[in-house]
Amino acid sequence: QVQLVESGGGLVQAGGSLRLSCAASGRTFSRYTMAWFRQAPGKEREFVARTSWSGDNTYYADSVKGRFTISGDNAKNTVYLQMNSLKPEDTAVYYCATGIANFYAYWGQGTQVTVSS
């Protein structure tokens, strides 16, 4: 089993920044993919970004490319999502997920990000 705990969400004005953290514990493997998803009210959950623990195979949704950066700290078993130039449309609950390739078997509980205009 893998446990994921997100933190770092909050309220920020448009144009501001936040950094989300996702701490992984339990049975984690270096070959796992780490990813962030988000779900806005009334919308389906959508992919945001993913990476491997080695830092390669990093990929972003077009809507966040150039503004968000995903990174990992192997020593801390923690993945980060640095979010800059935030927009009101980035408001959502952000979820951390992990698994093999694009099959995400484990999910965190989510952290709320609210961007005011």
N, C-alpha and C. Protein backbone atom coordinates (compact mmCIF):
# COMPACT_ATOMS: atom_id res chain seq x y z
N GLN A 1 0.83 -1.20 0.00
CA GLN A 1 0.00 0.00 0.00
C GLN A 1 0.87 1.25 0.00
N VAL A 2 0.35 2.28 -0.62
CA VAL A 2 1.02 3.57 -0.68
C VAL A 2 0.06 4.61 -0.11
N GLN A 3 0.59 5.47 0.72
CA GLN A 3 -0.20 6.56 1.25
C GLN A 3 0.35 7.88 0.72
N LEU A 4 -0.57 8.75 0.32
CA LEU A 4 -0.19 10.06 -0.22
C LEU A 4 -0.91 11.14 0.57
N VAL A 5 -0.17 12.15 0.98
CA VAL A 5 -0.75 13.25 1.74
C VAL A 5 -0.33 14.56 1.09
N GLU A 6 -1.33 15.30 0.58
CA GLU A 6 -1.06 16.60 -0.04
C GLU A 6 -1.14 17.71 0.99
N SER A 7 -0.42 18.78 0.69
CA SER A 7 -0.48 19.98 1.52
C SER A 7 -0.07 21.17 0.66
N GLY A 8 -0.32 22.37 1.19
CA GLY A 8 0.14 23.57 0.50
C GLY A 8 -0.94 24.36 -0.21
N GLY A 9 -2.16 23.83 -0.22
CA GLY A 9 -3.23 24.58 -0.87
C GLY A 9 -3.61 25.81 -0.07
N GLY A 10 -4.46 26.64 -0.67
CA GLY A 10 -4.90 27.84 0.02
C GLY A 10 -5.54 28.82 -0.92
N LEU A 11 -5.70 30.04 -0.44
CA LEU A 11 -6.30 31.13 -1.20
C LEU A 11 -5.21 32.08 -1.65
N VAL A 12 -5.22 32.42 -2.92
CA VAL A 12 -4.20 33.31 -3.47
C VAL A 12 -4.86 34.19 -4.52
N GLN A 13 -4.32 35.38 -4.71
CA GLN A 13 -4.84 36.27 -5.74
C GLN A 13 -4.30 35.87 -7.11
N ALA A 14 -5.04 36.23 -8.13
CA ALA A 14 -4.59 35.96 -9.49
C ALA A 14 -3.21 36.56 -9.71
N GLY A 15 -2.35 35.78 -10.37
CA GLY A 15 -0.97 36.21 -10.59
C GLY A 15 -0.02 35.71 -9.52
N GLY A 16 -0.56 35.20 -8.45
CA GLY A 16 0.27 34.73 -7.35
C GLY A 16 0.78 33.31 -7.56
N SER A 17 1.44 32.79 -6.52
CA SER A 17 2.06 31.47 -6.59
C SER A 17 1.71 30.64 -5.37
N LEU A 18 1.73 29.34 -5.56
CA LEU A 18 1.60 28.38 -4.48
C LEU A 18 2.47 27.19 -4.81
N ARG A 19 2.91 26.49 -3.77
CA ARG A 19 3.63 25.24 -3.98
C ARG A 19 2.92 24.13 -3.22
N LEU A 20 2.46 23.13 -3.96
CA LEU A 20 1.83 21.97 -3.36
C LEU A 20 2.87 20.90 -3.10
N SER A 21 2.67 20.16 -2.02
CA SER A 21 3.55 19.04 -1.70
C SER A 21 2.72 17.77 -1.59
N CYS A 22 3.35 16.67 -1.93
CA CYS A 22 2.70 15.36 -1.82
C CYS A 22 3.72 14.41 -1.20
N ALA A 23 3.49 14.04 0.04
CA ALA A 23 4.39 13.13 0.75
C ALA A 23 3.90 11.70 0.59
N ALA A 24 4.79 10.85 0.10
CA ALA A 24 4.44 9.44 -0.13
C ALA A 24 5.07 8.57 0.95
N SER A 25 4.33 7.59 1.39
CA SER A 25 4.86 6.63 2.36
C SER A 25 4.31 5.26 2.04
N GLY A 26 4.92 4.26 2.65
CA GLY A 26 4.48 2.90 2.38
C GLY A 26 5.34 2.26 1.31
N ARG A 27 4.73 1.51 0.46
CA ARG A 27 5.45 0.73 -0.53
C ARG A 27 5.62 1.56 -1.81
N THR A 28 6.66 2.37 -1.85
CA THR A 28 6.90 3.19 -3.03
C THR A 28 8.06 2.60 -3.83
N PHE A 29 8.02 2.76 -5.12
CA PHE A 29 9.04 2.23 -6.01
C PHE A 29 9.55 3.31 -6.93
N SER A 30 10.83 3.22 -7.27
CA SER A 30 11.43 4.24 -8.11
C SER A 30 10.81 4.28 -9.50
N ARG A 31 10.22 3.17 -9.92
CA ARG A 31 9.67 3.16 -11.27
C ARG A 31 8.25 3.74 -11.32
N TYR A 32 7.70 4.08 -10.17
CA TYR A 32 6.37 4.67 -10.15
C TYR A 32 6.37 6.04 -10.82
N THR A 33 5.28 6.37 -11.44
CA THR A 33 5.01 7.71 -11.95
C THR A 33 4.26 8.50 -10.89
N MET A 34 4.64 9.75 -10.70
CA MET A 34 3.93 10.64 -9.78
C MET A 34 3.21 11.70 -10.61
N ALA A 35 2.01 12.01 -10.21
CA ALA A 35 1.22 12.95 -11.02
C ALA A 35 0.33 13.82 -10.14
N TRP A 36 -0.09 14.92 -10.73
CA TRP A 36 -1.07 15.81 -10.12
C TRP A 36 -2.28 15.89 -11.05
N PHE A 37 -3.44 15.84 -10.44
CA PHE A 37 -4.70 16.05 -11.13
C PHE A 37 -5.45 17.15 -10.39
N ARG A 38 -6.51 17.65 -11.01
CA ARG A 38 -7.35 18.63 -10.31
C ARG A 38 -8.79 18.45 -10.75
N GLN A 39 -9.69 18.89 -9.86
CA GLN A 39 -11.11 18.83 -10.16
C GLN A 39 -11.77 20.11 -9.68
N ALA A 40 -12.32 20.84 -10.62
CA ALA A 40 -13.04 22.07 -10.31
C ALA A 40 -14.51 21.75 -10.07
N PRO A 41 -15.23 22.60 -9.36
CA PRO A 41 -16.64 22.34 -9.08
C PRO A 41 -17.44 22.14 -10.37
N GLY A 42 -18.19 21.06 -10.41
CA GLY A 42 -19.03 20.79 -11.55
C GLY A 42 -18.31 20.26 -12.78
N LYS A 43 -17.02 20.01 -12.64
CA LYS A 43 -16.24 19.51 -13.78
C LYS A 43 -15.60 18.16 -13.45
N GLU A 44 -15.18 17.48 -14.50
CA GLU A 44 -14.50 16.21 -14.31
C GLU A 44 -13.05 16.46 -13.87
N ARG A 45 -12.51 15.45 -13.22
CA ARG A 45 -11.11 15.54 -12.82
C ARG A 45 -10.23 15.55 -14.07
N GLU A 46 -9.20 16.39 -14.07
CA GLU A 46 -8.34 16.50 -15.23
C GLU A 46 -6.87 16.38 -14.84
N PHE A 47 -6.09 15.89 -15.77
CA PHE A 47 -4.66 15.74 -15.60
C PHE A 47 -3.99 17.11 -15.58
N VAL A 48 -2.98 17.26 -14.71
CA VAL A 48 -2.22 18.50 -14.64
C VAL A 48 -0.77 18.29 -15.06
N ALA A 49 -0.10 17.33 -14.40
CA ALA A 49 1.33 17.11 -14.69
C ALA A 49 1.74 15.75 -14.15
N ARG A 50 2.82 15.20 -14.73
CA ARG A 50 3.35 13.94 -14.21
C ARG A 50 4.86 13.93 -14.38
N THR A 51 5.52 13.09 -13.60
CA THR A 51 6.96 12.90 -13.71
C THR A 51 7.33 11.55 -13.12
N SER A 52 8.53 11.11 -13.41
CA SER A 52 9.07 9.93 -12.76
C SER A 52 10.01 10.40 -11.66
N TRP A 53 10.36 9.50 -10.75
CA TRP A 53 11.27 9.88 -9.68
C TRP A 53 12.65 10.26 -10.21
N SER A 54 12.98 9.78 -11.40
CA SER A 54 14.27 10.12 -11.99
C SER A 54 14.24 11.50 -12.63
N GLY A 55 13.05 12.08 -12.75
CA GLY A 55 12.94 13.42 -13.32
C GLY A 55 12.72 13.45 -14.80
N ASP A 56 12.74 12.30 -15.44
CA ASP A 56 12.47 12.30 -16.87
C ASP A 56 10.98 12.00 -17.08
N ASN A 57 10.60 11.93 -18.32
CA ASN A 57 9.20 11.68 -18.67
C ASN A 57 8.27 12.67 -17.99
N THR A 58 8.68 13.92 -17.93
CA THR A 58 7.83 14.96 -17.36
C THR A 58 6.90 15.48 -18.45
N TYR A 59 5.65 15.66 -18.07
CA TYR A 59 4.64 16.06 -19.06
C TYR A 59 3.62 16.95 -18.37
N TYR A 60 3.13 17.96 -19.09
CA TYR A 60 2.18 18.92 -18.54
C TYR A 60 0.96 19.04 -19.44
N ALA A 61 -0.16 19.34 -18.83
CA ALA A 61 -1.33 19.72 -19.60
C ALA A 61 -1.07 21.07 -20.25
N ASP A 62 -1.64 21.28 -21.41
CA ASP A 62 -1.42 22.54 -22.13
C ASP A 62 -1.85 23.74 -21.30
N SER A 63 -2.87 23.57 -20.49
CA SER A 63 -3.41 24.69 -19.72
C SER A 63 -2.46 25.21 -18.64
N VAL A 64 -1.47 24.40 -18.26
CA VAL A 64 -0.55 24.82 -17.20
C VAL A 64 0.89 24.91 -17.67
N LYS A 65 1.15 24.52 -18.89
CA LYS A 65 2.52 24.50 -19.40
C LYS A 65 3.13 25.90 -19.36
N GLY A 66 4.34 25.99 -18.83
CA GLY A 66 5.01 27.28 -18.72
C GLY A 66 4.71 28.00 -17.41
N ARG A 67 3.70 27.55 -16.67
CA ARG A 67 3.33 28.19 -15.40
C ARG A 67 3.57 27.25 -14.21
N PHE A 68 3.36 25.97 -14.41
CA PHE A 68 3.51 24.98 -13.33
C PHE A 68 4.76 24.15 -13.57
N THR A 69 5.38 23.72 -12.47
CA THR A 69 6.54 22.85 -12.54
C THR A 69 6.39 21.72 -11.53
N ILE A 70 6.51 20.49 -12.01
CA ILE A 70 6.47 19.33 -11.13
C ILE A 70 7.90 18.86 -10.88
N SER A 71 8.17 18.49 -9.64
CA SER A 71 9.51 18.00 -9.30
C SER A 71 9.40 17.03 -8.13
N GLY A 72 10.44 16.24 -7.95
CA GLY A 72 10.43 15.25 -6.88
C GLY A 72 11.71 15.28 -6.07
N ASP A 73 11.58 14.93 -4.81
CA ASP A 73 12.73 14.81 -3.91
C ASP A 73 12.75 13.36 -3.41
N ASN A 74 13.64 12.56 -3.99
CA ASN A 74 13.68 11.14 -3.64
C ASN A 74 13.96 10.93 -2.16
N ALA A 75 14.85 11.72 -1.60
CA ALA A 75 15.23 11.53 -0.21
C ALA A 75 14.06 11.73 0.74
N LYS A 76 13.14 12.60 0.34
CA LYS A 76 11.97 12.88 1.18
C LYS A 76 10.72 12.16 0.71
N ASN A 77 10.82 11.42 -0.40
CA ASN A 77 9.64 10.77 -0.97
C ASN A 77 8.51 11.78 -1.15
N THR A 78 8.86 12.93 -1.64
CA THR A 78 7.90 14.01 -1.79
C THR A 78 7.94 14.57 -3.20
N VAL A 79 6.77 14.83 -3.75
CA VAL A 79 6.63 15.45 -5.06
C VAL A 79 6.00 16.83 -4.86
N TYR A 80 6.46 17.77 -5.64
CA TYR A 80 6.00 19.14 -5.53
C TYR A 80 5.33 19.60 -6.83
N LEU A 81 4.45 20.55 -6.68
CA LEU A 81 3.89 21.23 -7.84
C LEU A 81 3.99 22.72 -7.57
N GLN A 82 4.95 23.35 -8.22
CA GLN A 82 5.11 24.80 -8.11
C GLN A 82 4.18 25.46 -9.11
N MET A 83 3.29 26.29 -8.62
CA MET A 83 2.29 26.92 -9.48
C MET A 83 2.50 28.42 -9.46
N ASN A 84 2.85 28.97 -10.61
CA ASN A 84 3.07 30.41 -10.76
C ASN A 84 2.03 31.01 -11.69
N SER A 85 1.91 32.31 -11.66
CA SER A 85 0.97 33.04 -12.52
C SER A 85 -0.41 32.41 -12.47
N LEU A 86 -0.87 32.18 -11.28
CA LEU A 86 -2.16 31.50 -11.10
C LEU A 86 -3.32 32.33 -11.64
N LYS A 87 -4.31 31.60 -12.17
CA LYS A 87 -5.49 32.22 -12.75
C LYS A 87 -6.73 31.72 -12.00
N PRO A 88 -7.81 32.48 -12.04
CA PRO A 88 -9.04 32.00 -11.38
C PRO A 88 -9.46 30.62 -11.88
N GLU A 89 -9.22 30.32 -13.14
CA GLU A 89 -9.60 29.01 -13.68
C GLU A 89 -8.74 27.87 -13.16
N ASP A 90 -7.70 28.18 -12.41
CA ASP A 90 -6.91 27.14 -11.75
C ASP A 90 -7.55 26.69 -10.43
N THR A 91 -8.60 27.36 -10.02
CA THR A 91 -9.29 26.99 -8.79
C THR A 91 -9.84 25.57 -8.89
N ALA A 92 -9.46 24.74 -7.93
CA ALA A 92 -9.87 23.33 -7.96
C ALA A 92 -9.33 22.64 -6.71
N VAL A 93 -9.78 21.42 -6.52
CA VAL A 93 -9.13 20.54 -5.56
C VAL A 93 -8.03 19.80 -6.32
N TYR A 94 -6.83 19.84 -5.80
CA TYR A 94 -5.68 19.22 -6.46
C TYR A 94 -5.35 17.91 -5.75
N TYR A 95 -5.19 16.88 -6.57
CA TYR A 95 -4.92 15.54 -6.07
C TYR A 95 -3.56 15.04 -6.56
N CYS A 96 -2.87 14.39 -5.66
CA CYS A 96 -1.64 13.70 -6.00
C CYS A 96 -1.99 12.23 -6.26
N ALA A 97 -1.30 11.63 -7.22
CA ALA A 97 -1.55 10.22 -7.54
C ALA A 97 -0.25 9.54 -7.94
N THR A 98 -0.21 8.24 -7.76
CA THR A 98 0.97 7.49 -8.16
C THR A 98 0.60 6.10 -8.64
N GLY A 99 1.46 5.55 -9.45
CA GLY A 99 1.24 4.21 -9.97
C GLY A 99 2.27 3.90 -11.03
N ILE A 100 2.02 2.84 -11.75
CA ILE A 100 2.94 2.41 -12.81
C ILE A 100 2.43 2.94 -14.14
N ALA A 101 3.34 3.60 -14.85
CA ALA A 101 3.00 4.25 -16.12
C ALA A 101 1.84 5.20 -15.85
N ASN A 102 0.77 5.12 -16.61
CA ASN A 102 -0.36 6.02 -16.43
C ASN A 102 -1.53 5.35 -15.71
N PHE A 103 -1.25 4.27 -15.02
CA PHE A 103 -2.27 3.62 -14.22
C PHE A 103 -2.07 4.05 -12.77
N TYR A 104 -2.91 4.95 -12.30
CA TYR A 104 -2.75 5.55 -10.99
C TYR A 104 -3.61 4.82 -9.97
N ALA A 105 -2.95 3.94 -9.21
CA ALA A 105 -3.69 3.11 -8.27
C ALA A 105 -3.89 3.78 -6.91
N TYR A 106 -3.07 4.77 -6.63
CA TYR A 106 -3.10 5.39 -5.31
C TYR A 106 -3.32 6.89 -5.44
N TRP A 107 -4.19 7.42 -4.57
CA TRP A 107 -4.56 8.83 -4.62
C TRP A 107 -4.52 9.44 -3.22
N GLY A 108 -4.20 10.72 -3.17
CA GLY A 108 -4.29 11.45 -1.92
C GLY A 108 -5.69 11.97 -1.70
N GLN A 109 -5.88 12.67 -0.60
CA GLN A 109 -7.21 13.15 -0.24
C GLN A 109 -7.55 14.49 -0.89
N GLY A 110 -6.56 15.15 -1.45
CA GLY A 110 -6.79 16.41 -2.14
C GLY A 110 -6.52 17.63 -1.27
N THR A 111 -6.17 18.72 -1.92
CA THR A 111 -5.96 19.99 -1.23
C THR A 111 -6.59 21.10 -2.09
N GLN A 112 -7.31 22.00 -1.44
CA GLN A 112 -8.06 23.03 -2.15
C GLN A 112 -7.15 24.19 -2.53
N VAL A 113 -7.24 24.59 -3.79
CA VAL A 113 -6.58 25.80 -4.27
C VAL A 113 -7.65 26.74 -4.80
N THR A 114 -7.67 27.95 -4.28
CA THR A 114 -8.64 28.95 -4.70
C THR A 114 -7.89 30.19 -5.15
N VAL A 115 -8.15 30.61 -6.38
CA VAL A 115 -7.50 31.78 -6.95
C VAL A 115 -8.56 32.86 -7.15
N SER A 116 -8.41 33.97 -6.47
CA SER A 116 -9.38 35.06 -6.57
C SER A 116 -8.96 36.04 -7.66
N SER A 117 -9.96 36.63 -8.28
CA SER A 117 -9.68 37.58 -9.38
C SER A 117 -9.52 39.00 -8.87
